[in-house]
Amino acid sequence: MTTSQPMTSPISTPLPRQGGRGISEHDVWMAADTLLMAGQRPTIERIRQQLGRGSPNTVSPYLDAWFAGLGARLQGAPVVAPSLPDSVAMPESVARAALDLWALALTEGRAALAEDEATRRAVLDAREAELASDREALEQARAVLHERIAAAETAAADARQAREEAQAQARRAEALLIEAQADAVASRQALSVARERTQALQEEYAAQRTHWDAERTRLGERAEANERRLMLELDAARESIKSLQQERKQVQRQLLDAEASLATLTEAQHEMRAAKALQDAVVARLREQVSTQEALAATYQSMLAAPVASSPGRGNVSARKRRVSHATVPATSVLRRARRP
C-alpha cells in the first residue's frame, strides 16, 4: 500500500469544519478550486451546483474564508497539500502528474484571477472617474445654488426696501390727505363766511335801493325842472343796478361752481382762493358803488336844497342846472367804473 507523502503544494486545505447537511469547509474550498481551474469565478450558487447540496448560509462563510486566503496562495506561499486517506493507494508517478497538473491549473487560475482583478480595477477606475464627474457636477450645482441664494437674498432685500419706501410714501400721502382735508374744511368755513357777507351786502343793497327810490321821489317832487336829467341818471342807476345784479348772479354761479369743485381736494384750495378774491373784488366794488350812490344822493340833496337857500329866479335855476350837471359827471363816471369787469 502506498501512503501519501507530505509535499509542498500551491493549495492548502483547511481543517474540516462540518456544515449543515454534511458540507465542510474543505468541500467548499475544493469546489472553489475546481471552479477556478475551470475558468469560472466561484460563487455561492456555482459551489452549491458543484457540490449538489448546501445552503447559502452555510456556503457563504466558507467561501469568504477561501477568498481571504486566495492572495497568499497565489503568491506561491508554501502550504501543506491535502492529505489522502490512508486507505487510498496512489503511485508516485500519478501523484507527481497530479501535482504538475495542479500547478498548471493554479497558474491558469492566477492568470484568470489577474485578468479578473484588472477588470475589477478598470471598473473601479471607471467608478472613480464617474464619482469625480459627479463630484464636479455637484460642485457646479452647489455654486449655481449659492448664486441663486445670493440673488434671492438680494431680491428679498430690494423687496424689503421697496416695501419700506412704499410705506413711507403712504404715510406722506396720508399726511397730505389730512392736510388737504383740513384745507377743505377751512375753505368751506371761508365760503360760509363769504355767503353770510354776501347776504348782508344784498340786504344792505336792498335797503339802499329803497332809500334811493324814496330819494328819487322826493327829488322829483322838489325839482320838476331837473326831472328829465334826474330820470336819465336814475335810468343809468337802474342799468348799474342791473349790471350789479348780473354780477351778483355771476358771483353766485361762481360760488356754486366753487362748491361743486370742492369734491376735488387737490384743486379746492386754488378755487377757494379764486372765489374769495372774486368775492372781495365784488364786495369792494359794491362798497365803491354804494359810496358813489351815497355821494350822488348827497349831491342831489344839496342841489335840491339850493332853491330853499336862495331866491327863485331863472339865473338860480340855470346855476342849479350847471351844478347838477357838474355833480352828475363824477357820479356817472363812478357808475361806469363800477360796471367795468
Protein backbone atom coordinates (compact mmCIF):
# COMPACT_ATOMS: atom_id res chain seq x y z
CA MET A 1 0.00 0.00 0.00
CA THR A 2 1.33 3.39 -0.95
CA THR A 3 0.72 6.17 1.50
CA SER A 4 0.64 9.86 0.70
CA GLN A 5 3.78 11.75 1.50
CA PRO A 6 3.92 15.32 2.82
CA MET A 7 4.71 17.76 -0.03
CA THR A 8 4.67 21.41 -0.91
CA SER A 9 1.54 22.31 -2.89
CA PRO A 10 0.10 25.58 -4.20
CA ILE A 11 -3.20 24.95 -2.40
CA SER A 12 -3.94 24.43 1.23
CA THR A 13 -6.75 22.51 2.76
CA PRO A 14 -8.41 23.88 5.88
CA LEU A 15 -9.22 21.82 8.86
CA PRO A 16 -12.55 20.15 8.20
CA ARG A 17 -15.43 22.17 9.67
CA GLN A 18 -18.69 20.40 9.28
CA GLY A 19 -21.61 22.45 7.92
CA GLY A 20 -25.24 21.72 7.52
CA ARG A 21 -26.20 18.56 5.64
CA GLY A 22 -22.59 17.26 5.77
CA ILE A 23 -20.88 20.16 3.92
CA SER A 24 -17.47 21.11 5.34
CA GLU A 25 -15.11 23.97 4.68
CA HIS A 26 -12.83 21.53 2.86
CA ASP A 27 -15.64 20.66 0.45
CA VAL A 28 -16.29 24.32 -0.31
CA TRP A 29 -12.59 25.04 -0.85
CA MET A 30 -12.18 22.07 -3.18
CA ALA A 31 -15.27 23.12 -5.17
CA ALA A 32 -13.98 26.69 -5.40
CA ASP A 33 -10.57 25.47 -6.63
CA THR A 34 -12.30 23.29 -9.21
CA LEU A 35 -14.37 26.21 -10.49
CA LEU A 36 -11.30 28.46 -10.57
CA MET A 37 -9.32 25.90 -12.59
CA ALA A 38 -12.30 25.67 -14.96
CA GLY A 39 -12.00 29.44 -15.58
CA GLN A 40 -15.14 30.32 -13.63
CA ARG A 41 -15.50 32.69 -10.72
CA PRO A 42 -16.50 30.82 -7.57
CA THR A 43 -19.89 31.96 -6.32
CA ILE A 44 -22.32 30.57 -3.79
CA GLU A 45 -24.68 29.24 -6.45
CA ARG A 46 -21.87 27.68 -8.52
CA ILE A 47 -20.41 25.96 -5.45
CA ARG A 48 -23.86 24.66 -4.49
CA GLN A 49 -24.29 23.38 -8.05
CA GLN A 50 -20.79 21.85 -7.94
CA LEU A 51 -21.47 20.08 -4.63
CA GLY A 52 -25.11 19.36 -5.35
CA ARG A 53 -26.14 20.39 -1.86
CA GLY A 54 -25.62 23.02 0.81
CA SER A 55 -27.48 26.15 1.82
CA PRO A 56 -26.29 29.67 1.01
CA ASN A 57 -25.91 30.45 4.73
CA THR A 58 -23.52 27.50 5.08
CA VAL A 59 -21.52 28.07 1.88
CA SER A 60 -21.12 31.86 2.28
CA PRO A 61 -18.70 31.97 5.29
CA TYR A 62 -16.57 29.12 3.87
CA LEU A 63 -16.34 30.93 0.51
CA ASP A 64 -15.34 34.17 2.26
CA ALA A 65 -12.53 32.30 4.02
CA TRP A 66 -11.42 30.84 0.67
CA PHE A 67 -11.23 34.33 -0.87
CA ALA A 68 -9.35 35.63 2.21
CA GLY A 69 -6.56 33.06 1.76
CA LEU A 70 -6.51 33.16 -2.02
CA GLY A 71 -3.99 36.04 -2.23
CA ALA A 72 -1.34 34.27 -0.18
CA ARG A 73 -1.88 31.08 -2.12
CA LEU A 74 -1.47 32.82 -5.48
CA GLN A 75 1.79 34.43 -4.32
CA GLY A 76 3.34 30.93 -4.03
CA ALA A 77 3.41 30.60 -0.26
CA PRO A 78 4.29 27.09 0.84
CA VAL A 79 1.25 25.29 2.08
CA VAL A 80 0.54 21.74 3.08
CA ALA A 81 -1.06 19.64 0.37
CA PRO A 82 -4.25 17.91 1.28
CA SER A 83 -3.57 14.51 2.69
CA LEU A 84 -5.14 11.46 1.19
CA PRO A 85 -6.79 8.92 3.33
CA ASP A 86 -4.51 6.14 4.44
CA SER A 87 -6.71 3.64 2.70
CA VAL A 88 -6.12 5.26 -0.71
CA ALA A 89 -3.05 3.95 -2.58
CA MET A 90 -1.52 6.27 -5.26
CA PRO A 91 1.60 5.63 -7.27
CA GLU A 92 4.30 8.25 -7.01
CA SER A 93 4.22 8.95 -10.76
CA VAL A 94 0.49 9.58 -10.60
CA ALA A 95 0.97 11.85 -7.62
CA ARG A 96 3.67 13.81 -9.44
CA ALA A 97 1.49 14.12 -12.55
CA ALA A 98 -1.39 15.29 -10.41
CA LEU A 99 0.86 17.86 -8.76
CA ASP A 100 2.07 19.10 -12.15
CA LEU A 101 -1.48 19.32 -13.38
CA TRP A 102 -2.42 21.09 -10.19
CA ALA A 103 0.43 23.61 -10.62
CA LEU A 104 -0.68 24.26 -14.21
CA ALA A 105 -4.24 24.76 -13.09
CA LEU A 106 -3.11 27.18 -10.40
CA THR A 107 -1.04 29.12 -12.96
CA GLU A 108 -4.05 29.42 -15.21
CA GLY A 109 -6.16 30.33 -12.19
CA ARG A 110 -3.69 33.06 -11.25
CA ALA A 111 -3.86 34.41 -14.81
CA ALA A 112 -7.66 34.33 -14.76
CA LEU A 113 -7.69 35.95 -11.34
CA ALA A 114 -5.24 38.63 -12.50
CA GLU A 115 -7.47 39.29 -15.50
CA ASP A 116 -10.48 39.45 -13.22
CA GLU A 117 -8.55 41.77 -10.91
CA ALA A 118 -7.69 44.02 -13.87
CA THR A 119 -11.33 44.02 -14.90
CA ARG A 120 -12.40 44.91 -11.39
CA ARG A 121 -9.72 47.61 -11.23
CA ALA A 122 -10.95 49.04 -14.55
CA VAL A 123 -14.48 49.03 -13.18
CA LEU A 124 -13.25 50.75 -10.03
CA ASP A 125 -11.35 53.32 -12.09
CA ALA A 126 -14.46 53.95 -14.17
CA ARG A 127 -16.48 54.33 -10.99
CA GLU A 128 -13.90 56.71 -9.56
CA ALA A 129 -13.99 58.76 -12.78
CA GLU A 130 -17.79 58.76 -12.64
CA LEU A 131 -17.64 59.80 -8.99
CA ALA A 132 -15.19 62.60 -9.89
CA SER A 133 -17.53 63.74 -12.65
CA ASP A 134 -20.48 63.59 -10.26
CA ARG A 135 -18.43 65.46 -7.67
CA GLU A 136 -17.59 68.18 -10.22
CA ALA A 137 -21.24 68.41 -11.28
CA LEU A 138 -22.20 68.62 -7.62
CA GLU A 139 -19.73 71.47 -7.08
CA GLN A 140 -21.12 73.29 -10.10
CA ALA A 141 -24.66 72.76 -8.88
CA ARG A 142 -23.61 73.98 -5.45
CA ALA A 143 -22.07 77.13 -6.99
CA VAL A 144 -25.24 77.74 -9.01
CA LEU A 145 -27.29 77.19 -5.87
CA HIS A 146 -25.14 79.69 -3.96
CA GLU A 147 -25.59 82.22 -6.77
CA ARG A 148 -29.34 81.67 -6.73
CA ILE A 149 -29.44 82.03 -2.95
CA ALA A 150 -27.43 85.27 -3.19
CA ALA A 151 -29.76 86.54 -5.94
CA ALA A 152 -32.78 85.59 -3.84
CA GLU A 153 -31.35 87.38 -0.81
CA THR A 154 -30.64 90.47 -2.95
CA ALA A 155 -34.18 90.36 -4.36
CA ALA A 156 -35.57 89.99 -0.84
CA ALA A 157 -33.53 92.99 0.34
CA ASP A 158 -34.75 95.02 -2.64
CA ALA A 159 -38.31 93.97 -1.90
CA ARG A 160 -37.95 94.99 1.75
CA GLN A 161 -36.50 98.36 0.71
CA ALA A 162 -39.31 98.88 -1.83
CA ARG A 163 -41.88 97.99 0.83
CA GLU A 164 -40.35 100.45 3.28
CA GLU A 165 -40.32 103.17 0.62
CA ALA A 166 -43.95 102.40 -0.27
CA GLN A 167 -44.91 102.61 3.40
CA ALA A 168 -43.11 105.95 3.71
CA GLN A 169 -44.88 107.24 0.61
CA ALA A 170 -48.19 106.02 2.01
CA ARG A 171 -47.53 107.88 5.26
CA ARG A 172 -46.64 111.05 3.33
CA ALA A 173 -49.76 110.69 1.18
CA GLU A 174 -51.87 110.22 4.29
CA ALA A 175 -50.37 113.36 5.83
CA LEU A 176 -51.05 115.29 2.61
CA LEU A 177 -54.61 113.97 2.58
CA ILE A 178 -55.16 115.09 6.16
CA GLU A 179 -53.74 118.50 5.30
CA ALA A 180 -55.93 118.74 2.20
CA GLN A 181 -58.99 117.79 4.24
CA ALA A 182 -58.13 120.47 6.77
CA ASP A 183 -57.74 122.98 3.93
CA ALA A 184 -61.09 121.89 2.53
CA VAL A 185 -62.75 122.40 5.91
CA ALA A 186 -61.16 125.84 6.18
CA SER A 187 -62.29 126.63 2.63
CA ARG A 188 -65.85 125.58 3.45
CA GLN A 189 -65.79 127.79 6.51
CA ALA A 190 -64.47 130.70 4.44
CA LEU A 191 -67.17 130.06 1.85
CA SER A 192 -69.82 130.09 4.56
CA VAL A 193 -68.49 133.40 5.86
CA ALA A 194 -68.47 134.75 2.30
CA ARG A 195 -72.08 133.69 1.83
CA GLU A 196 -73.10 135.40 5.03
CA ARG A 197 -71.24 138.51 3.97
CA THR A 198 -72.87 138.42 0.54
CA GLN A 199 -76.29 138.07 2.15
CA ALA A 200 -75.57 141.06 4.35
CA LEU A 201 -74.45 143.04 1.34
CA GLN A 202 -77.60 142.06 -0.51
CA GLU A 203 -79.76 143.20 2.39
CA GLU A 204 -77.78 146.41 2.62
CA TYR A 205 -78.19 146.85 -1.10
CA ALA A 206 -81.95 146.33 -0.83
CA ALA A 207 -82.13 148.92 1.91
CA GLN A 208 -80.05 151.31 -0.15
CA ARG A 209 -82.29 150.73 -3.12
CA THR A 210 -85.36 151.54 -1.05
CA HIS A 211 -83.64 154.65 0.14
CA TRP A 212 -82.73 155.58 -3.41
CA ASP A 213 -86.32 155.14 -4.59
CA ALA A 214 -87.60 157.37 -1.83
CA GLU A 215 -84.91 159.92 -2.54
CA ARG A 216 -85.77 159.84 -6.22
CA THR A 217 -89.44 160.54 -5.46
CA ARG A 218 -88.53 163.35 -3.15
CA LEU A 219 -86.11 164.84 -5.66
CA GLY A 220 -88.69 164.52 -8.43
CA GLU A 221 -91.31 166.37 -6.43
CA ARG A 222 -88.94 169.17 -5.48
CA ALA A 223 -87.19 169.63 -8.83
CA GLU A 224 -89.54 169.31 -11.76
CA ALA A 225 -87.17 171.23 -13.98
CA ASN A 226 -84.47 168.66 -13.46
CA GLU A 227 -86.83 165.72 -13.75
CA ARG A 228 -85.59 164.65 -17.17
CA ARG A 229 -81.95 164.76 -16.12
CA LEU A 230 -82.72 163.03 -12.90
CA MET A 231 -84.69 160.37 -14.76
CA LEU A 232 -81.74 159.83 -17.04
CA GLU A 233 -79.47 159.49 -14.04
CA LEU A 234 -81.92 157.14 -12.46
CA ASP A 235 -82.05 155.10 -15.65
CA ALA A 236 -78.29 154.94 -15.54
CA ALA A 237 -78.54 153.91 -11.93
CA ARG A 238 -81.02 151.21 -12.91
CA GLU A 239 -78.63 149.99 -15.56
CA SER A 240 -75.92 149.97 -12.96
CA ILE A 241 -78.19 148.05 -10.64
CA LYS A 242 -78.95 145.55 -13.39
CA SER A 243 -75.26 145.22 -14.01
CA LEU A 244 -74.71 144.71 -10.32
CA GLN A 245 -77.46 142.11 -10.25
CA GLN A 246 -75.87 140.33 -13.17
CA GLU A 247 -72.55 140.47 -11.41
CA ARG A 248 -74.21 139.18 -8.26
CA LYS A 249 -75.73 136.30 -10.23
CA GLN A 250 -72.37 135.64 -11.80
CA VAL A 251 -70.80 135.64 -8.36
CA GLN A 252 -73.47 133.25 -7.14
CA ARG A 253 -72.85 130.95 -10.11
CA GLN A 254 -69.14 131.10 -9.41
CA LEU A 255 -69.80 130.30 -5.77
CA LEU A 256 -71.93 127.33 -6.81
CA ASP A 257 -69.17 126.22 -9.16
CA ALA A 258 -66.72 126.60 -6.30
CA GLU A 259 -68.95 124.40 -4.12
CA ALA A 260 -69.09 121.75 -6.84
CA SER A 261 -65.33 121.84 -7.28
CA LEU A 262 -64.75 121.17 -3.58
CA ALA A 263 -65.04 117.45 -4.37
CA THR A 264 -61.58 117.60 -5.94
CA LEU A 265 -59.29 118.14 -2.98
CA THR A 266 -56.20 118.99 -4.99
CA GLU A 267 -57.93 121.95 -6.71
CA ALA A 268 -60.16 123.03 -3.83
CA GLN A 269 -57.66 125.42 -2.28
CA HIS A 270 -56.97 127.27 -5.55
CA GLU A 271 -60.67 127.57 -6.38
CA MET A 272 -61.48 128.80 -2.88
CA ARG A 273 -58.77 131.41 -3.14
CA ALA A 274 -60.10 132.49 -6.53
CA ALA A 275 -63.67 132.61 -5.18
CA LYS A 276 -62.52 134.60 -2.17
CA ALA A 277 -60.59 137.03 -4.37
CA LEU A 278 -63.64 137.42 -6.61
CA GLN A 279 -65.86 137.92 -3.59
CA ASP A 280 -63.51 140.53 -2.18
CA ALA A 281 -63.48 142.29 -5.54
CA VAL A 282 -67.30 142.22 -5.71
CA VAL A 283 -67.61 143.44 -2.15
CA ALA A 284 -65.12 146.21 -2.83
CA ARG A 285 -66.97 147.11 -6.00
CA LEU A 286 -70.32 147.09 -4.19
CA ARG A 287 -68.91 149.26 -1.47
CA GLU A 288 -67.48 151.63 -4.05
CA GLN A 289 -70.81 151.79 -5.86
CA VAL A 290 -72.69 152.31 -2.60
CA SER A 291 -70.30 155.11 -1.73
CA THR A 292 -70.80 156.53 -5.21
CA GLN A 293 -74.57 156.34 -4.88
CA GLU A 294 -74.41 157.93 -1.46
CA ALA A 295 -72.24 160.72 -2.88
CA LEU A 296 -74.66 161.09 -5.77
CA ALA A 297 -77.60 161.20 -3.41
CA ALA A 298 -75.84 163.79 -1.27
CA THR A 299 -75.16 165.80 -4.38
CA TYR A 300 -78.81 165.59 -5.36
CA GLN A 301 -79.86 166.60 -1.88
CA SER A 302 -77.55 169.61 -1.94
CA MET A 303 -78.82 170.54 -5.37
CA LEU A 304 -82.42 170.25 -4.32
CA ALA A 305 -81.78 172.15 -1.14
CA ALA A 306 -80.27 175.02 -3.11
CA PRO A 307 -83.65 176.62 -4.02
CA VAL A 308 -84.55 176.87 -0.37
CA ALA A 309 -81.38 178.73 0.48
CA SER A 310 -81.55 181.15 -2.47
CA SER A 311 -84.33 183.21 -4.06
CA PRO A 312 -86.21 181.79 -7.04
CA GLY A 313 -85.24 183.00 -10.47
CA ARG A 314 -84.09 181.94 -13.88
CA GLY A 315 -80.49 182.63 -13.10
CA ASN A 316 -80.65 180.46 -9.99
CA VAL A 317 -82.28 177.65 -11.90
CA SER A 318 -79.58 177.82 -14.52
CA ALA A 319 -76.92 177.81 -11.85
CA ARG A 320 -78.52 174.82 -10.20
CA LYS A 321 -78.61 173.01 -13.52
CA ARG A 322 -74.94 173.70 -14.02
CA ARG A 323 -74.19 172.44 -10.51
CA VAL A 324 -76.27 169.32 -11.09
CA SER A 325 -74.55 168.78 -14.42
CA HIS A 326 -71.12 169.17 -12.84
CA ALA A 327 -72.11 166.97 -9.91
CA THR A 328 -73.52 164.15 -12.02
CA VAL A 329 -70.39 163.85 -14.11
CA PRO A 330 -68.28 162.17 -11.41
CA ALA A 331 -71.24 160.04 -10.33
CA THR A 332 -71.74 158.81 -13.88
CA SER A 333 -68.04 158.07 -14.24
CA VAL A 334 -68.14 156.16 -10.98
CA LEU A 335 -71.05 154.08 -12.21
CA ARG A 336 -69.16 153.40 -15.42
CA ARG A 337 -66.15 152.24 -13.46
CA ALA A 338 -68.39 150.06 -11.34
CA ARG A 339 -69.86 148.40 -14.44
CA ARG A 340 -66.42 147.58 -15.78
CA PRO A 341 -65.44 143.90 -15.43
